[in-house]
């Protein structure tokens, strides 16, 4: 009888447990590549473009590099460009979420640690630096683009500590070129 009572209690506890459903993390699909000089050394990366869900005439470009073992080490992000040909300048320091202000054109950089899923240090755009990105539309039907980029960032110790002491205080990207496909 004692065992039956224990089993009934356990069944009630398990049935009362509410299974939490988490929204699965959206997988990044890389459909292009990039290369630049990062602090004077060659930096190769993969690219992914994404239209804004609130304004499909604008897009963001994610450029990430990986080790030979497949670990993500750096994440360069340009946000808020119109899907049109031109040269776009980034000098706004704004780190709100995309939903908070979709119209902001800005750029950020983060180092990545461990197996590539832990953010190391964050970098903010140097105001009035020569931060820009050009867009040339290769094929509007499938949203293929290409262009060049340049940016300068400084380490941003927003919590007062470094997470990646091996990362430099300043990161400068020059002679950057990219190819990407912007996805919905």
Protein backbone atom coordinates (compact mmCIF):
# COMPACT_ATOMS: atom_id res chain seq x y z
CA UNK A 1 0.00 0.00 0.00
CA UNK A 2 2.88 2.32 0.87
CA UNK A 3 4.39 1.74 -2.60
CA UNK A 4 1.06 2.42 -4.29
CA UNK A 5 0.75 5.73 -2.43
CA UNK A 6 4.33 6.69 -3.47
CA UNK A 7 3.59 5.82 -7.10
CA UNK A 8 0.37 7.90 -7.06
CA UNK A 9 2.22 10.90 -5.59
CA UNK A 10 5.00 10.56 -8.19
CA UNK A 11 2.44 10.33 -11.02
CA UNK A 12 0.66 13.45 -9.76
CA UNK A 13 3.96 15.34 -9.55
CA UNK A 14 5.01 14.30 -13.06
CA UNK A 15 1.63 15.13 -14.56
CA UNK A 16 1.69 18.54 -12.86
CA UNK A 17 5.07 19.34 -14.37
CA UNK A 18 4.58 21.74 -17.21
CA UNK A 19 6.90 21.16 -20.08
CA UNK A 20 8.46 24.43 -21.14
CA UNK A 21 8.69 24.91 -24.84
CA UNK A 22 11.55 27.03 -26.04
CA UNK A 23 11.59 28.66 -29.39
CA UNK A 24 14.33 26.88 -31.30
CA UNK A 25 17.28 29.11 -32.08
CA UNK A 26 17.23 30.14 -35.70
CA UNK A 27 20.05 28.47 -37.58
CA UNK A 28 22.34 30.79 -39.49
CA UNK A 29 22.62 29.79 -43.14
CA UNK A 30 25.82 31.01 -44.75
CA UNK A 31 25.53 31.61 -48.48
CA UNK A 32 28.67 33.59 -49.15
CA UNK A 33 32.13 34.52 -48.00
CA UNK A 34 34.24 37.49 -47.05
CA UNK A 35 37.89 38.38 -46.67
CA UNK A 36 39.51 41.41 -45.04
CA UNK A 37 42.60 42.60 -43.28
CA UNK A 38 41.91 42.53 -39.54
CA UNK A 39 44.63 44.46 -37.71
CA UNK A 40 46.95 43.79 -40.65
CA UNK A 41 46.33 40.03 -40.89
CA UNK A 42 44.14 38.16 -43.39
CA UNK A 43 40.70 37.38 -41.96
CA UNK A 44 38.49 34.92 -43.88
CA UNK A 45 34.83 34.51 -43.02
CA UNK A 46 31.38 33.28 -44.04
CA UNK A 47 28.44 35.60 -44.70
CA UNK A 48 24.73 35.55 -44.09
CA UNK A 49 22.26 38.27 -45.06
CA UNK A 50 18.77 38.66 -43.64
CA UNK A 51 15.91 41.03 -44.51
CA UNK A 52 14.26 42.82 -41.58
CA UNK A 53 10.94 41.19 -40.78
CA UNK A 54 9.41 44.63 -40.05
CA UNK A 55 10.83 46.35 -43.15
CA UNK A 56 11.77 44.03 -46.03
CA UNK A 57 13.46 46.89 -47.88
CA UNK A 58 16.31 46.78 -45.30
CA UNK A 59 18.72 44.02 -44.36
CA UNK A 60 21.53 43.01 -42.04
CA UNK A 61 24.79 41.32 -42.95
CA UNK A 62 26.52 38.89 -40.59
CA UNK A 63 30.18 38.06 -41.28
CA UNK A 64 31.70 35.35 -39.07
CA UNK A 65 35.05 33.62 -39.09
CA UNK A 66 35.82 30.10 -37.92
CA UNK A 67 38.88 28.09 -36.95
CA UNK A 68 39.93 25.14 -39.11
CA UNK A 69 38.24 22.94 -36.48
CA UNK A 70 34.93 24.73 -37.06
CA UNK A 71 34.84 26.95 -33.95
CA UNK A 72 33.40 30.44 -34.41
CA UNK A 73 35.90 33.11 -33.32
CA UNK A 74 34.59 36.47 -34.52
CA UNK A 75 31.25 37.99 -35.44
CA UNK A 76 31.05 41.22 -37.47
CA UNK A 77 27.54 42.60 -37.91
CA UNK A 78 26.30 45.40 -40.19
CA UNK A 79 22.69 46.39 -39.60
CA UNK A 80 20.10 48.58 -41.28
CA UNK A 81 21.20 48.92 -44.90
CA UNK A 82 18.57 49.51 -47.56
CA UNK A 83 18.52 46.79 -50.21
CA UNK A 84 19.85 49.09 -52.93
CA UNK A 85 23.19 49.85 -54.48
CA UNK A 86 25.33 52.39 -52.69
CA UNK A 87 27.88 53.13 -50.01
CA UNK A 88 26.51 53.20 -46.47
CA UNK A 89 28.31 54.79 -43.52
CA UNK A 90 28.07 53.59 -39.93
CA UNK A 91 28.77 56.08 -37.19
CA UNK A 92 25.84 55.64 -34.84
CA UNK A 93 26.56 54.06 -31.49
CA UNK A 94 23.32 52.24 -30.81
CA UNK A 95 23.14 48.81 -29.22
CA UNK A 96 19.42 48.31 -28.79
CA UNK A 97 17.80 45.17 -30.10
CA UNK A 98 16.63 45.18 -33.70
CA UNK A 99 13.00 45.24 -32.64
CA UNK A 100 13.63 48.37 -30.54
CA UNK A 101 14.74 50.46 -33.49
CA UNK A 102 14.83 48.84 -36.91
CA UNK A 103 15.85 52.00 -38.73
CA UNK A 104 19.29 52.35 -37.11
CA UNK A 105 22.32 51.70 -39.31
CA UNK A 106 25.12 50.45 -37.10
CA UNK A 107 27.85 47.86 -36.83
CA UNK A 108 29.27 45.74 -33.99
CA UNK A 109 31.96 43.12 -33.49
CA UNK A 110 32.25 40.32 -30.90
CA UNK A 111 34.93 37.77 -30.20
CA UNK A 112 33.71 34.23 -29.54
CA UNK A 113 35.10 31.78 -26.96
CA UNK A 114 35.03 28.08 -26.11
CA UNK A 115 33.44 26.10 -28.92
CA UNK A 116 32.09 29.26 -30.55
CA UNK A 117 28.81 29.67 -28.69
CA UNK A 118 30.04 31.98 -25.91
CA UNK A 119 30.46 35.70 -26.57
CA UNK A 120 33.87 36.98 -25.53
CA UNK A 121 34.45 40.71 -25.70
CA UNK A 122 32.16 43.20 -27.42
CA UNK A 123 33.45 46.05 -29.54
CA UNK A 124 31.76 49.32 -30.32
CA UNK A 125 32.17 51.31 -33.46
CA UNK A 126 34.62 54.20 -33.23
CA UNK A 127 32.57 57.32 -33.84
CA UNK A 128 33.59 59.18 -36.98
CA UNK A 129 35.84 56.37 -38.14
CA UNK A 130 35.79 55.35 -41.77
CA UNK A 131 33.16 52.66 -41.15
CA UNK A 132 31.28 51.87 -44.33
CA UNK A 133 29.86 49.09 -46.47
CA UNK A 134 29.14 49.15 -50.18
CA UNK A 135 26.35 47.14 -51.77
CA UNK A 136 26.21 46.01 -55.38
CA UNK A 137 23.24 43.90 -56.38
CA UNK A 138 24.45 41.01 -58.54
CA UNK A 139 21.06 39.31 -58.95
CA UNK A 140 17.96 40.99 -57.49
CA UNK A 141 15.82 37.90 -58.17
CA UNK A 142 17.71 35.80 -55.66
CA UNK A 143 19.06 38.76 -53.61
CA UNK A 144 22.73 38.12 -54.34
CA UNK A 145 24.94 41.04 -53.35
CA UNK A 146 28.62 41.85 -53.13
CA UNK A 147 30.70 44.77 -51.97
CA UNK A 148 33.45 46.12 -49.79
CA UNK A 149 33.66 47.15 -46.13
CA UNK A 150 35.87 48.91 -43.62
CA UNK A 151 35.39 49.56 -39.89
CA UNK A 152 37.22 50.41 -36.69
CA UNK A 153 36.11 49.18 -33.26
CA UNK A 154 37.28 49.59 -29.65
CA UNK A 155 36.76 47.09 -26.85
CA UNK A 156 33.65 47.90 -24.86
CA UNK A 157 33.90 46.83 -21.23
CA UNK A 158 30.24 47.38 -20.41
CA UNK A 159 30.40 45.18 -17.31
CA UNK A 160 33.87 46.43 -16.38
CA UNK A 161 35.70 43.21 -17.15
CA UNK A 162 37.33 41.51 -20.09
CA UNK A 163 36.05 38.11 -21.09
CA UNK A 164 38.74 37.51 -23.70
CA UNK A 165 42.05 39.01 -22.48
CA UNK A 166 43.77 37.81 -25.67
CA UNK A 167 41.66 40.16 -27.79
CA UNK A 168 43.18 43.54 -28.70
CA UNK A 169 41.80 46.88 -27.48
CA UNK A 170 41.22 48.08 -31.05
CA UNK A 171 40.16 46.12 -34.13
CA UNK A 172 40.48 47.63 -37.59
CA UNK A 173 39.02 45.98 -40.69
CA UNK A 174 40.40 47.23 -44.02
CA UNK A 175 40.24 46.05 -47.63
CA UNK A 176 37.17 43.94 -46.84
CA UNK A 177 35.23 42.29 -49.65
CA UNK A 178 32.16 40.07 -49.38
CA UNK A 179 29.60 38.06 -51.34
CA UNK A 180 26.26 37.22 -49.74
CA UNK A 181 22.68 36.22 -50.41
CA UNK A 182 20.05 38.11 -48.42
CA UNK A 183 17.34 35.76 -47.14
CA UNK A 184 13.81 36.32 -45.92
